[in-house]
């Protein structure tokens, strides 16, 4: 009975991981496009608001997997970091400008690293 339950969980995890990967790629693409083709990250209030949403969405998708061990927290940190680094890097490459490593980028990196590890109970 336990083997069947484990197989069922494993069968559900594959498509869910695919959704997390797609959400992360979408967030990276949005960050890159906004960084390269608009001045949205030049406006402080919009940078804080939009950047926070783009970092949070993949992390929430990874948290929705409801894994009970450290894998979920590691995955949340990885997708958050991938969104910030990938979006900023690709957007800078497209715009032919140097990547912006200011205090807000560092805050987003810190959020991606620390937030999943905070205790919720």
PDB file of N, CA and C in Angstrom:
ATOM      1  N   UNK A   1       0.817  -1.195   0.000  1.00  0.00           N
ATOM      2  CA  UNK A   1       0.000   0.000   0.000  1.00  0.00           C
ATOM      3  C   UNK A   1       0.869   1.271   0.000  1.00  0.00           C
ATOM      4  N   UNK A   2       1.949   1.247   0.812  1.00  0.00           N
ATOM      5  CA  UNK A   2       2.827   2.395   0.869  1.00  0.00           C
ATOM      6  C   UNK A   2       3.558   2.601  -0.450  1.00  0.00           C
ATOM      7  N   UNK A   3       3.905   1.495  -1.109  1.00  0.00           N
ATOM      8  CA  UNK A   3       4.584   1.584  -2.404  1.00  0.00           C
ATOM      9  C   UNK A   3       3.678   2.250  -3.433  1.00  0.00           C
ATOM     10  N   UNK A   4       2.400   1.924  -3.415  1.00  0.00           N
ATOM     11  CA  UNK A   4       1.456   2.523  -4.355  1.00  0.00           C
ATOM     12  C   UNK A   4       1.314   4.015  -4.070  1.00  0.00           C
ATOM     13  N   UNK A   5       1.288   4.401  -2.797  1.00  0.00           N
ATOM     14  CA  UNK A   5       1.193   5.808  -2.426  1.00  0.00           C
ATOM     15  C   UNK A   5       2.432   6.576  -2.887  1.00  0.00           C
ATOM     16  N   UNK A   6       3.597   5.967  -2.720  1.00  0.00           N
ATOM     17  CA  UNK A   6       4.836   6.608  -3.166  1.00  0.00           C
ATOM     18  C   UNK A   6       4.850   6.770  -4.677  1.00  0.00           C
ATOM     19  N   UNK A   7       4.363   5.766  -5.403  1.00  0.00           N
ATOM     20  CA  UNK A   7       4.300   5.860  -6.865  1.00  0.00           C
ATOM     21  C   UNK A   7       3.345   6.949  -7.309  1.00  0.00           C
ATOM     22  N   UNK A   8       2.220   7.088  -6.617  1.00  0.00           N
ATOM     23  CA  UNK A   8       1.254   8.126  -6.943  1.00  0.00           C
ATOM     24  C   UNK A   8       1.857   9.512  -6.724  1.00  0.00           C
ATOM     25  N   UNK A   9       2.573   9.687  -5.606  1.00  0.00           N
ATOM     26  CA  UNK A   9       3.215  10.980  -5.340  1.00  0.00           C
ATOM     27  C   UNK A   9       4.275  11.287  -6.383  1.00  0.00           C
ATOM     28  N   UNK A  10       5.044  10.282  -6.763  1.00  0.00           N
ATOM     29  CA  UNK A  10       6.083  10.485  -7.770  1.00  0.00           C
ATOM     30  C   UNK A  10       5.470  10.842  -9.120  1.00  0.00           C
ATOM     31  N   UNK A  11       4.344  10.246  -9.447  1.00  0.00           N
ATOM     32  CA  UNK A  11       3.681  10.544 -10.719  1.00  0.00           C
ATOM     33  C   UNK A  11       3.156  11.973 -10.747  1.00  0.00           C
ATOM     34  N   UNK A  12       2.739  12.494  -9.601  1.00  0.00           N
ATOM     35  CA  UNK A  12       2.223  13.862  -9.546  1.00  0.00           C
ATOM     36  C   UNK A  12       3.350  14.896  -9.515  1.00  0.00           C
ATOM     37  N   UNK A  13       4.510  14.510  -9.014  1.00  0.00           N
ATOM     38  CA  UNK A  13       5.611  15.448  -8.864  1.00  0.00           C
ATOM     39  C   UNK A  13       6.170  15.895 -10.210  1.00  0.00           C
ATOM     40  N   UNK A  14       6.268  14.991 -11.178  1.00  0.00           N
ATOM     41  CA  UNK A  14       6.833  15.316 -12.479  1.00  0.00           C
ATOM     42  C   UNK A  14       6.148  16.482 -13.167  1.00  0.00           C
ATOM     43  N   UNK A  15       4.839  16.407 -13.379  1.00  0.00           N
ATOM     44  CA  UNK A  15       4.148  17.541 -14.014  1.00  0.00           C
ATOM     45  C   UNK A  15       4.207  18.812 -13.163  1.00  0.00           C
ATOM     46  N   UNK A  16       4.189  18.665 -11.848  1.00  0.00           N
ATOM     47  CA  UNK A  16       4.260  19.845 -10.989  1.00  0.00           C
ATOM     48  C   UNK A  16       5.615  20.527 -11.094  1.00  0.00           C
ATOM     49  N   UNK A  17       6.680  19.728 -11.185  1.00  0.00           N
ATOM     50  CA  UNK A  17       8.006  20.315 -11.385  1.00  0.00           C
ATOM     51  C   UNK A  17       8.099  21.012 -12.736  1.00  0.00           C
ATOM     52  N   UNK A  18       7.436  20.471 -13.733  1.00  0.00           N
ATOM     53  CA  UNK A  18       7.412  21.105 -15.042  1.00  0.00           C
ATOM     54  C   UNK A  18       6.721  22.466 -14.965  1.00  0.00           C
ATOM     55  N   UNK A  19       5.658  22.553 -14.216  1.00  0.00           N
ATOM     56  CA  UNK A  19       4.960  23.831 -14.039  1.00  0.00           C
ATOM     57  C   UNK A  19       5.869  24.834 -13.339  1.00  0.00           C
ATOM     58  N   UNK A  20       6.584  24.389 -12.306  1.00  0.00           N
ATOM     59  CA  UNK A  20       7.519  25.277 -11.603  1.00  0.00           C
ATOM     60  C   UNK A  20       8.594  25.775 -12.568  1.00  0.00           C
ATOM     61  N   UNK A  21       9.126  24.876 -13.388  1.00  0.00           N
ATOM     62  CA  UNK A  21      10.152  25.267 -14.352  1.00  0.00           C
ATOM     63  C   UNK A  21       9.603  26.271 -15.366  1.00  0.00           C
ATOM     64  N   UNK A  22       8.400  26.045 -15.854  1.00  0.00           N
ATOM     65  CA  UNK A  22       7.801  26.961 -16.827  1.00  0.00           C
ATOM     66  C   UNK A  22       7.508  28.329 -16.215  1.00  0.00           C
ATOM     67  N   UNK A  23       7.030  28.343 -14.985  1.00  0.00           N
ATOM     68  CA  UNK A  23       6.764  29.614 -14.295  1.00  0.00           C
ATOM     69  C   UNK A  23       8.069  30.380 -14.098  1.00  0.00           C
ATOM     70  N   UNK A  24       9.134  29.661 -13.757  1.00  0.00           N
ATOM     71  CA  UNK A  24      10.434  30.302 -13.563  1.00  0.00           C
ATOM     72  C   UNK A  24      10.961  30.876 -14.872  1.00  0.00           C
ATOM     73  N   UNK A  25      10.851  30.116 -15.940  1.00  0.00           N
ATOM     74  CA  UNK A  25      11.300  30.605 -17.251  1.00  0.00           C
ATOM     75  C   UNK A  25      10.483  31.828 -17.672  1.00  0.00           C
ATOM     76  N   UNK A  26       9.190  31.806 -17.419  1.00  0.00           N
ATOM     77  CA  UNK A  26       8.339  32.954 -17.740  1.00  0.00           C
ATOM     78  C   UNK A  26       8.759  34.184 -16.930  1.00  0.00           C
ATOM     79  N   UNK A  27       9.047  34.003 -15.638  1.00  0.00           N
ATOM     80  CA  UNK A  27       9.476  35.128 -14.808  1.00  0.00           C
ATOM     81  C   UNK A  27      10.815  35.686 -15.292  1.00  0.00           C
ATOM     82  N   UNK A  28      11.735  34.791 -15.666  1.00  0.00           N
ATOM     83  CA  UNK A  28      13.026  35.243 -16.199  1.00  0.00           C
ATOM     84  C   UNK A  28      12.824  36.014 -17.501  1.00  0.00           C
ATOM     85  N   UNK A  29      11.953  35.515 -18.368  1.00  0.00           N
ATOM     86  CA  UNK A  29      11.685  36.190 -19.642  1.00  0.00           C
ATOM     87  C   UNK A  29      11.063  37.568 -19.418  1.00  0.00           C
ATOM     88  N   UNK A  30      10.131  37.658 -18.489  1.00  0.00           N
ATOM     89  CA  UNK A  30       9.516  38.962 -18.189  1.00  0.00           C
ATOM     90  C   UNK A  30      10.541  39.933 -17.626  1.00  0.00           C
ATOM     91  N   UNK A  31      11.346  39.474 -16.675  1.00  0.00           N
ATOM     92  CA  UNK A  31      12.376  40.337 -16.088  1.00  0.00           C
ATOM     93  C   UNK A  31      13.327  40.820 -17.187  1.00  0.00           C
ATOM     94  N   UNK A  32      13.751  39.902 -18.033  1.00  0.00           N
ATOM     95  CA  UNK A  32      14.682  40.248 -19.111  1.00  0.00           C
ATOM     96  C   UNK A  32      14.078  41.272 -20.063  1.00  0.00           C
ATOM     97  N   UNK A  33      12.843  41.027 -20.465  1.00  0.00           N
ATOM     98  CA  UNK A  33      12.188  41.944 -21.402  1.00  0.00           C
ATOM     99  C   UNK A  33      11.984  43.320 -20.776  1.00  0.00           C
ATOM    100  N   UNK A  34      11.559  43.353 -19.533  1.00  0.00           N
ATOM    101  CA  UNK A  34      11.368  44.639 -18.864  1.00  0.00           C
ATOM    102  C   UNK A  34      12.698  45.361 -18.688  1.00  0.00           C
ATOM    103  N   UNK A  35      13.728  44.626 -18.392  1.00  0.00           N
ATOM    104  CA  UNK A  35      15.058  45.221 -18.195  1.00  0.00           C
ATOM    105  C   UNK A  35      15.614  45.738 -19.523  1.00  0.00           C
ATOM    106  N   UNK A  36      15.410  44.990 -20.589  1.00  0.00           N
ATOM    107  CA  UNK A  36      16.021  45.342 -21.870  1.00  0.00           C
ATOM    108  C   UNK A  36      15.233  46.389 -22.655  1.00  0.00           C
ATOM    109  N   UNK A  37      13.921  46.301 -22.637  1.00  0.00           N
ATOM    110  CA  UNK A  37      13.121  47.101 -23.568  1.00  0.00           C
ATOM    111  C   UNK A  37      12.307  48.222 -22.933  1.00  0.00           C
ATOM    112  N   UNK A  38      12.292  48.308 -21.627  1.00  0.00           N
ATOM    113  CA  UNK A  38      11.540  49.385 -20.979  1.00  0.00           C
ATOM    114  C   UNK A  38      12.434  50.068 -19.952  1.00  0.00           C
ATOM    115  N   UNK A  39      11.975  51.156 -19.458  1.00  0.00           N
ATOM    116  CA  UNK A  39      12.697  51.859 -18.400  1.00  0.00           C
ATOM    117  C   UNK A  39      12.088  51.597 -17.049  1.00  0.00           C
ATOM    118  N   UNK A  40      11.344  50.500 -16.932  1.00  0.00           N
ATOM    119  CA  UNK A  40      10.598  50.247 -15.708  1.00  0.00           C
ATOM    120  C   UNK A  40      11.506  50.067 -14.498  1.00  0.00           C
ATOM    121  N   UNK A  41      12.694  49.496 -14.708  1.00  0.00           N
ATOM    122  CA  UNK A  41      13.590  49.298 -13.579  1.00  0.00           C
ATOM    123  C   UNK A  41      14.375  50.561 -13.244  1.00  0.00           C
ATOM    124  N   UNK A  42      14.183  51.607 -14.018  1.00  0.00           N
ATOM    125  CA  UNK A  42      14.770  52.901 -13.695  1.00  0.00           C
ATOM    126  C   UNK A  42      13.908  53.702 -12.732  1.00  0.00           C
ATOM    127  N   UNK A  43      12.665  53.325 -12.604  1.00  0.00           N
ATOM    128  CA  UNK A  43      11.742  53.994 -11.681  1.00  0.00           C
ATOM    129  C   UNK A  43      11.716  53.189 -10.395  1.00  0.00           C
ATOM    130  N   UNK A  44      12.132  53.803  -9.316  1.00  0.00           N
ATOM    131  CA  UNK A  44      12.355  53.079  -8.070  1.00  0.00           C
ATOM    132  C   UNK A  44      11.127  52.331  -7.569  1.00  0.00           C
ATOM    133  N   UNK A  45       9.984  52.975  -7.498  1.00  0.00           N
ATOM    134  CA  UNK A  45       8.778  52.306  -6.979  1.00  0.00           C
ATOM    135  C   UNK A  45       8.365  51.123  -7.844  1.00  0.00           C
ATOM    136  N   UNK A  46       8.449  51.288  -9.156  1.00  0.00           N
ATOM    137  CA  UNK A  46       8.092  50.184 -10.047  1.00  0.00           C
ATOM    138  C   UNK A  46       9.109  49.054  -9.954  1.00  0.00           C
ATOM    139  N   UNK A  47      10.381  49.394  -9.806  1.00  0.00           N
ATOM    140  CA  UNK A  47      11.419  48.365  -9.676  1.00  0.00           C
ATOM    141  C   UNK A  47      11.184  47.502  -8.440  1.00  0.00           C
ATOM    142  N   UNK A  48      10.855  48.145  -7.326  1.00  0.00           N
ATOM    143  CA  UNK A  48      10.624  47.408  -6.080  1.00  0.00           C
ATOM    144  C   UNK A  48       9.388  46.525  -6.221  1.00  0.00           C
ATOM    145  N   UNK A  49       8.307  47.062  -6.718  1.00  0.00           N
ATOM    146  CA  UNK A  49       7.046  46.324  -6.813  1.00  0.00           C
ATOM    147  C   UNK A  49       7.128  45.197  -7.838  1.00  0.00           C
ATOM    148  N   UNK A  50       7.548  45.508  -9.042  1.00  0.00           N
ATOM    149  CA  UNK A  50       7.598  44.515 -10.118  1.00  0.00           C
ATOM    150  C   UNK A  50       8.651  43.445  -9.814  1.00  0.00           C
ATOM    151  N   UNK A  51       9.808  43.870  -9.333  1.00  0.00           N
ATOM    152  CA  UNK A  51      10.854  42.905  -9.004  1.00  0.00           C
ATOM    153  C   UNK A  51      10.422  41.938  -7.915  1.00  0.00           C
ATOM    154  N   UNK A  52       9.744  42.442  -6.894  1.00  0.00           N
ATOM    155  CA  UNK A  52       9.276  41.571  -5.813  1.00  0.00           C
ATOM    156  C   UNK A  52       8.269  40.548  -6.321  1.00  0.00           C
ATOM    157  N   UNK A  53       7.387  40.961  -7.184  1.00  0.00           N
ATOM    158  CA  UNK A  53       6.401  40.025  -7.736  1.00  0.00           C
ATOM    159  C   UNK A  53       7.085  38.980  -8.601  1.00  0.00           C
ATOM    160  N   UNK A  54       8.014  39.413  -9.446  1.00  0.00           N
ATOM    161  CA  UNK A  54       8.689  38.467 -10.332  1.00  0.00           C
ATOM    162  C   UNK A  54       9.549  37.470  -9.567  1.00  0.00           C
ATOM    163  N   UNK A  55      10.068  37.842  -8.413  1.00  0.00           N
ATOM    164  CA  UNK A  55      10.830  36.904  -7.593  1.00  0.00           C
ATOM    165  C   UNK A  55       9.885  35.974  -6.836  1.00  0.00           C
ATOM    166  N   UNK A  56       8.775  36.513  -6.374  1.00  0.00           N
ATOM    167  CA  UNK A  56       7.875  35.732  -5.514  1.00  0.00           C
ATOM    168  C   UNK A  56       7.086  34.670  -6.263  1.00  0.00           C
ATOM    169  N   UNK A  57       6.678  34.934  -7.479  1.00  0.00           N
ATOM    170  CA  UNK A  57       5.798  34.002  -8.197  1.00  0.00           C
ATOM    171  C   UNK A  57       6.426  32.617  -8.378  1.00  0.00           C
ATOM    172  N   UNK A  58       7.672  32.488  -8.868  1.00  0.00           N
ATOM    173  CA  UNK A  58       8.252  31.145  -8.970  1.00  0.00           C
ATOM    174  C   UNK A  58       8.471  30.483  -7.609  1.00  0.00           C
ATOM    175  N   UNK A  59       8.770  31.299  -6.595  1.00  0.00           N
ATOM    176  CA  UNK A  59       8.974  30.729  -5.258  1.00  0.00           C
ATOM    177  C   UNK A  59       7.669  30.171  -4.698  1.00  0.00           C
ATOM    178  N   UNK A  60       6.567  30.848  -4.953  1.00  0.00           N
ATOM    179  CA  UNK A  60       5.262  30.340  -4.521  1.00  0.00           C
ATOM    180  C   UNK A  60       4.904  29.075  -5.294  1.00  0.00           C
ATOM    181  N   UNK A  61       5.209  29.051  -6.582  1.00  0.00           N
ATOM    182  CA  UNK A  61       4.937  27.849  -7.381  1.00  0.00           C
ATOM    183  C   UNK A  61       5.728  26.654  -6.846  1.00  0.00           C
ATOM    184  N   UNK A  62       6.978  26.892  -6.466  1.00  0.00           N
ATOM    185  CA  UNK A  62       7.782  25.800  -5.903  1.00  0.00           C
ATOM    186  C   UNK A  62       7.255  25.376  -4.536  1.00  0.00           C
ATOM    187  N   UNK A  63       6.768  26.315  -3.765  1.00  0.00           N
ATOM    188  CA  UNK A  63       6.201  25.979  -2.453  1.00  0.00           C
ATOM    189  C   UNK A  63       4.907  25.210  -2.564  1.00  0.00           C
ATOM    190  N   UNK A  64       4.218  25.353  -3.683  1.00  0.00           N
ATOM    191  CA  UNK A  64       2.948  24.649  -3.880  1.00  0.00           C
ATOM    192  C   UNK A  64       3.136  23.150  -4.065  1.00  0.00           C
ATOM    193  N   UNK A  65       4.373  22.703  -4.263  1.00  0.00           N
ATOM    194  CA  UNK A  65       4.621  21.265  -4.373  1.00  0.00           C
ATOM    195  C   UNK A  65       4.348  20.555  -3.053  1.00  0.00           C
ATOM    196  N   UNK A  66       4.388  21.295  -1.955  1.00  0.00           N
ATOM    197  CA  UNK A  66       4.075  20.793  -0.620  1.00  0.00           C
ATOM    198  C   UNK A  66       4.974  19.638  -0.203  1.00  0.00           C
ATOM    199  N   UNK A  67       6.235  19.724  -0.563  1.00  0.00           N
ATOM    200  CA  UNK A  67       7.189  18.753  -0.045  1.00  0.00           C
ATOM    201  C   UNK A  67       7.451  19.110   1.402  1.00  0.00           C
ATOM    202  N   UNK A  68       7.644  18.123   2.234  1.00  0.00           N
ATOM    203  CA  UNK A  68       7.794  18.380   3.663  1.00  0.00           C
ATOM    204  C   UNK A  68       9.250  18.442   4.107  1.00  0.00           C
ATOM    205  N   UNK A  69      10.178  18.158   3.233  1.00  0.00           N
ATOM    206  CA  UNK A  69      11.581  18.182   3.622  1.00  0.00           C
ATOM    207  C   UNK A  69      12.283  19.401   3.033  1.00  0.00           C
ATOM    208  N   UNK A  70      13.582  19.419   3.132  1.00  0.00           N
ATOM    209  CA  UNK A  70      14.373  20.572   2.697  1.00  0.00           C
ATOM    210  C   UNK A  70      14.380  20.766   1.186  1.00  0.00           C
ATOM    211  N   UNK A  71      13.947  19.751   0.418  1.00  0.00           N
ATOM    212  CA  UNK A  71      13.949  19.892  -1.046  1.00  0.00           C
ATOM    213  C   UNK A  71      13.126  21.084  -1.498  1.00  0.00           C
ATOM    214  N   UNK A  72      11.996  21.300  -0.868  1.00  0.00           N
ATOM    215  CA  UNK A  72      11.125  22.413  -1.250  1.00  0.00           C
ATOM    216  C   UNK A  72      11.807  23.748  -0.996  1.00  0.00           C
ATOM    217  N   UNK A  73      12.466  23.873   0.145  1.00  0.00           N
ATOM    218  CA  UNK A  73      13.139  25.131   0.469  1.00  0.00           C
ATOM    219  C   UNK A  73      14.315  25.382  -0.469  1.00  0.00           C
ATOM    220  N   UNK A  74      15.046  24.331  -0.782  1.00  0.00           N
ATOM    221  CA  UNK A  74      16.165  24.474  -1.718  1.00  0.00           C
ATOM    222  C   UNK A  74      15.644  24.875  -3.096  1.00  0.00           C
ATOM    223  N   UNK A  75      14.572  24.218  -3.547  1.00  0.00           N
ATOM    224  CA  UNK A  75      13.996  24.543  -4.850  1.00  0.00           C
ATOM    225  C   UNK A  75      13.488  25.977  -4.878  1.00  0.00           C
ATOM    226  N   UNK A  76      12.843  26.428  -3.802  1.00  0.00           N
ATOM    227  CA  UNK A  76      12.364  27.805  -3.750  1.00  0.00           C
ATOM    228  C   UNK A  76      13.526  28.794  -3.850  1.00  0.00           C
ATOM    229  N   UNK A  77      14.602  28.518  -3.137  1.00  0.00           N
ATOM    230  CA  UNK A  77      15.770  29.400  -3.206  1.00  0.00           C
ATOM    231  C   UNK A  77      16.375  29.409  -4.609  1.00  0.00           C
ATOM    232  N   UNK A  78      16.466  28.239  -5.213  1.00  0.00           N
ATOM    233  CA  UNK A  78      17.078  28.142  -6.546  1.00  0.00           C
ATOM    234  C   UNK A  78      16.256  28.881  -7.588  1.00  0.00           C
ATOM    235  N   UNK A  79      14.935  28.717  -7.574  1.00  0.00           N
ATOM    236  CA  UNK A  79      14.130  29.407  -8.588  1.00  0.00           C
ATOM    237  C   UNK A  79      14.120  30.915  -8.350  1.00  0.00           C
ATOM    238  N   UNK A  80      14.167  31.349  -7.099  1.00  0.00           N
ATOM    239  CA  UNK A  80      14.258  32.773  -6.816  1.00  0.00           C
ATOM    240  C   UNK A  80      15.566  33.362  -7.312  1.00  0.00           C
ATOM    241  N   UNK A  81      16.672  32.670  -7.026  1.00  0.00           N
ATOM    242  CA  UNK A  81      17.977  33.124  -7.499  1.00  0.00           C
ATOM    243  C   UNK A  81      18.057  33.102  -9.018  1.00  0.00           C
ATOM    244  N   UNK A  82      17.517  32.058  -9.625  1.00  0.00           N
ATOM    245  CA  UNK A  82      17.542  31.956 -11.088  1.00  0.00           C
ATOM    246  C   UNK A  82      16.761  33.098 -11.723  1.00  0.00           C
ATOM    247  N   UNK A  83      15.670  33.489 -11.108  1.00  0.00           N
ATOM    248  CA  UNK A  83      14.865  34.581 -11.649  1.00  0.00           C
ATOM    249  C   UNK A  83      15.637  35.894 -11.619  1.00  0.00           C
ATOM    250  N   UNK A  84      16.258  36.190 -10.489  1.00  0.00           N
ATOM    251  CA  UNK A  84      16.986  37.462 -10.365  1.00  0.00           C
ATOM    252  C   UNK A  84      18.219  37.471 -11.267  1.00  0.00           C
ATOM    253  N   UNK A  85      19.046  36.447 -11.140  1.00  0.00           N
ATOM    254  CA  UNK A  85      20.302  36.414 -11.889  1.00  0.00           C
ATOM    255  C   UNK A  85      20.036  36.251 -13.382  1.00  0.00           C
ATOM    256  N   UNK A  86      19.139  35.345 -13.731  1.00  0.00           N
ATOM    257  CA  UNK A  86      18.829  35.120 -15.140  1.00  0.00           C
ATOM    258  C   UNK A  86      18.169  36.310 -15.786  1.00  0.00           C
ATOM    259  N   UNK A  87      17.183  36.878 -15.114  1.00  0.00           N
ATOM    260  CA  UNK A  87      16.477  38.030 -15.674  1.00  0.00           C
ATOM    261  C   UNK A  87      17.372  39.237 -15.837  1.00  0.00           C
ATOM    262  N   UNK A  88      18.167  39.515 -14.815  1.00  0.00           N
ATOM    263  CA  UNK A  88      19.075  40.669 -14.887  1.00  0.00           C
ATOM    264  C   UNK A  88      20.172  40.428 -15.920  1.00  0.00           C
ATOM    265  N   UNK A  89      20.716  39.228 -15.940  1.00  0.00           N
ATOM    266  CA  UNK A  89      21.799  38.922 -16.871  1.00  0.00           C
ATOM    267  C   UNK A  89      21.364  38.930 -18.320  1.00  0.00           C
ATOM    268  N   UNK A  90      20.276  38.249 -18.613  1.00  0.00           N
ATOM    269  CA  UNK A  90      19.788  38.197 -19.996  1.00  0.00           C
ATOM    270  C   UNK A  90      19.307  39.570 -20.450  1.00  0.00           C
ATOM    271  N   UNK A  91      18.597  40.276 -19.571  1.00  0.00           N
ATOM    272  CA  UNK A  91      18.131  41.615 -19.915  1.00  0.00           C
ATOM    273  C   UNK A  91      19.278  42.570 -20.180  1.00  0.00           C
ATOM    274  N   UNK A  92      20.342  42.465 -19.390  1.00  0.00           N
ATOM    275  CA  UNK A  92      21.518  43.309 -19.605  1.00  0.00           C
ATOM    276  C   UNK A  92      22.212  42.952 -20.911  1.00  0.00           C
ATOM    277  N   UNK A  93      22.286  41.670 -21.204  1.00  0.00           N
ATOM    278  CA  UNK A  93      22.915  41.230 -22.449  1.00  0.00           C
ATOM    279  C   UNK A  93      22.144  41.745 -23.663  1.00  0.00           C
ATOM    280  N   UNK A  94      20.827  41.642 -23.620  1.00  0.00           N
ATOM    281  CA  UNK A  94      19.995  42.111 -24.732  1.00  0.00           C
ATOM    282  C   UNK A  94      20.131  43.626 -24.903  1.00  0.00           C
ATOM    283  N   UNK A  95      20.134  44.342 -23.787  1.00  0.00           N
ATOM    284  CA  UNK A  95      20.222  45.800 -23.840  1.00  0.00           C
ATOM    285  C   UNK A  95      21.637  46.300 -24.071  1.00  0.00           C
ATOM    286  N   UNK A  96      22.620  45.385 -24.088  1.00  0.00           N
ATOM    287  CA  UNK A  96      24.022  45.753 -24.256  1.00  0.00           C
ATOM    288  C   UNK A  96      24.461  46.770 -23.204  1.00  0.00           C
ATOM    289  N   UNK A  97      24.038  46.531 -21.967  1.00  0.00           N
ATOM    290  CA  UNK A  97      24.429  47.393 -20.856  1.00  0.00           C
ATOM    291  C   UNK A  97      24.917  46.502 -19.717  1.00  0.00           C
ATOM    292  N   UNK A  98      25.707  47.051 -18.821  1.00  0.00           N
ATOM    293  CA  UNK A  98      26.190  46.217 -17.721  1.00  0.00           C
ATOM    294  C   UNK A  98      25.048  45.851 -16.767  1.00  0.00           C
ATOM    295  N   UNK A  99      25.142  44.673 -16.144  1.00  0.00           N
ATOM    296  CA  UNK A  99      24.106  44.298 -15.174  1.00  0.00           C
ATOM    297  C   UNK A  99      24.091  45.272 -14.001  1.00  0.00           C
ATOM    298  N   UNK A 100      22.922  45.510 -13.482  1.00  0.00           N
ATOM    299  CA  UNK A 100      22.772  46.409 -12.343  1.00  0.00           C
ATOM    300  C   UNK A 100      22.879  45.579 -11.075  1.00  0.00           C
ATOM    301  N   UNK A 101      23.885  45.883 -10.262  1.00  0.00           N
ATOM    302  CA  UNK A 101      24.033  45.212  -8.985  1.00  0.00           C
ATOM    303  C   UNK A 101      23.948  46.283  -7.910  1.00  0.00           C
ATOM    304  N   UNK A 102      22.728  46.709  -7.649  1.00  0.00           N
ATOM    305  CA  UNK A 102      22.504  47.726  -6.644  1.00  0.00           C
ATOM    306  C   UNK A 102      21.888  47.093  -5.401  1.00  0.00           C
ATOM    307  N   UNK A 103      21.470  47.928  -4.464  1.00  0.00           N
ATOM    308  CA  UNK A 103      20.945  47.384  -3.208  1.00  0.00           C
ATOM    309  C   UNK A 103      19.648  46.609  -3.423  1.00  0.00           C
ATOM    310  N   UNK A 104      18.856  46.953  -4.411  1.00  0.00           N
ATOM    311  CA  UNK A 104      17.607  46.223  -4.623  1.00  0.00           C
ATOM    312  C   UNK A 104      17.861  44.841  -5.216  1.00  0.00           C
ATOM    313  N   UNK A 105      18.834  44.737  -6.100  1.00  0.00           N
ATOM    314  CA  UNK A 105      19.199  43.419  -6.622  1.00  0.00           C
ATOM    315  C   UNK A 105      19.715  42.543  -5.487  1.00  0.00           C
ATOM    316  N   UNK A 106      20.518  43.118  -4.615  1.00  0.00           N
ATOM    317  CA  UNK A 106      21.021  42.369  -3.462  1.00  0.00           C
ATOM    318  C   UNK A 106      19.884  41.985  -2.509  1.00  0.00           C
ATOM    319  N   UNK A 107      18.910  42.864  -2.346  1.00  0.00           N
ATOM    320  CA  UNK A 107      17.751  42.542  -1.501  1.00  0.00           C
ATOM    321  C   UNK A 107      16.969  41.377  -2.106  1.00  0.00           C
ATOM    322  N   UNK A 108      16.759  41.396  -3.426  1.00  0.00           N
ATOM    323  CA  UNK A 108      16.052  40.291  -4.075  1.00  0.00           C
ATOM    324  C   UNK A 108      16.814  38.986  -3.920  1.00  0.00           C
ATOM    325  N   UNK A 109      18.141  39.037  -4.058  1.00  0.00           N
ATOM    326  CA  UNK A 109      18.946  37.831  -3.855  1.00  0.00           C
ATOM    327  C   UNK A 109      18.832  37.344  -2.411  1.00  0.00           C
ATOM    328  N   UNK A 110      18.852  38.271  -1.472  1.00  0.00           N
ATOM    329  CA  UNK A 110      18.692  37.903  -0.063  1.00  0.00           C
ATOM    330  C   UNK A 110      17.337  37.291   0.226  1.00  0.00           C
ATOM    331  N   UNK A 111      16.299  37.858  -0.360  1.00  0.00           N
ATOM    332  CA  UNK A 111      14.949  37.303  -0.180  1.00  0.00           C
ATOM    333  C   UNK A 111      14.890  35.888  -0.723  1.00  0.00           C
ATOM    334  N   UNK A 112      15.461  35.688  -1.894  1.00  0.00           N
ATOM    335  CA  UNK A 112      15.436  34.357  -2.500  1.00  0.00           C
ATOM    336  C   UNK A 112      16.185  33.341  -1.651  1.00  0.00           C
ATOM    337  N   UNK A 113      17.252  33.764  -1.015  1.00  0.00           N
ATOM    338  CA  UNK A 113      18.032  32.839  -0.190  1.00  0.00           C
ATOM    339  C   UNK A 113      17.412  32.585   1.182  1.00  0.00           C
ATOM    340  N   UNK A 114      16.912  33.627   1.822  1.00  0.00           N
ATOM    341  CA  UNK A 114      16.506  33.532   3.227  1.00  0.00           C
ATOM    342  C   UNK A 114      15.028  33.190   3.417  1.00  0.00           C
ATOM    343  N   UNK A 115      14.170  33.754   2.621  1.00  0.00           N
ATOM    344  CA  UNK A 115      12.731  33.613   2.851  1.00  0.00           C
ATOM    345  C   UNK A 115      12.244  32.175   2.983  1.00  0.00           C
ATOM    346  N   UNK A 116      12.651  31.260   2.130  1.00  0.00           N
ATOM    347  CA  UNK A 116      12.152  29.891   2.281  1.00  0.00           C
ATOM    348  C   UNK A 116      12.575  29.225   3.597  1.00  0.00           C
ATOM    349  N   UNK A 117      13.636  29.685   4.205  1.00  0.00           N
ATOM    350  CA  UNK A 117      14.166  29.021   5.399  1.00  0.00           C
ATOM    351  C   UNK A 117      13.599  29.590   6.691  1.00  0.00           C
ATOM    352  N   UNK A 118      12.796  30.654   6.613  1.00  0.00           N
ATOM    353  CA  UNK A 118      12.181  31.179   7.817  1.00  0.00           C
ATOM    354  C   UNK A 118      11.129  30.205   8.336  1.00  0.00           C
ATOM    355  N   UNK A 119      11.081  30.047   9.622  1.00  0.00           N
ATOM    356  CA  UNK A 119      10.110  29.124  10.207  1.00  0.00           C
ATOM    357  C   UNK A 119       8.709  29.690  10.080  1.00  0.00           C
ATOM    358  N   UNK A 120       7.766  28.821   9.784  1.00  0.00           N
ATOM    359  CA  UNK A 120       6.383  29.258   9.620  1.00  0.00           C
ATOM    360  C   UNK A 120       5.512  28.847  10.799  1.00  0.00           C
ATOM    361  N   UNK A 121       6.060  28.093  11.710  1.00  0.00           N
ATOM    362  CA  UNK A 121       5.245  27.637  12.854  1.00  0.00           C
ATOM    363  C   UNK A 121       5.646  28.342  14.120  1.00  0.00           C
TER     364      UNK A 121
END
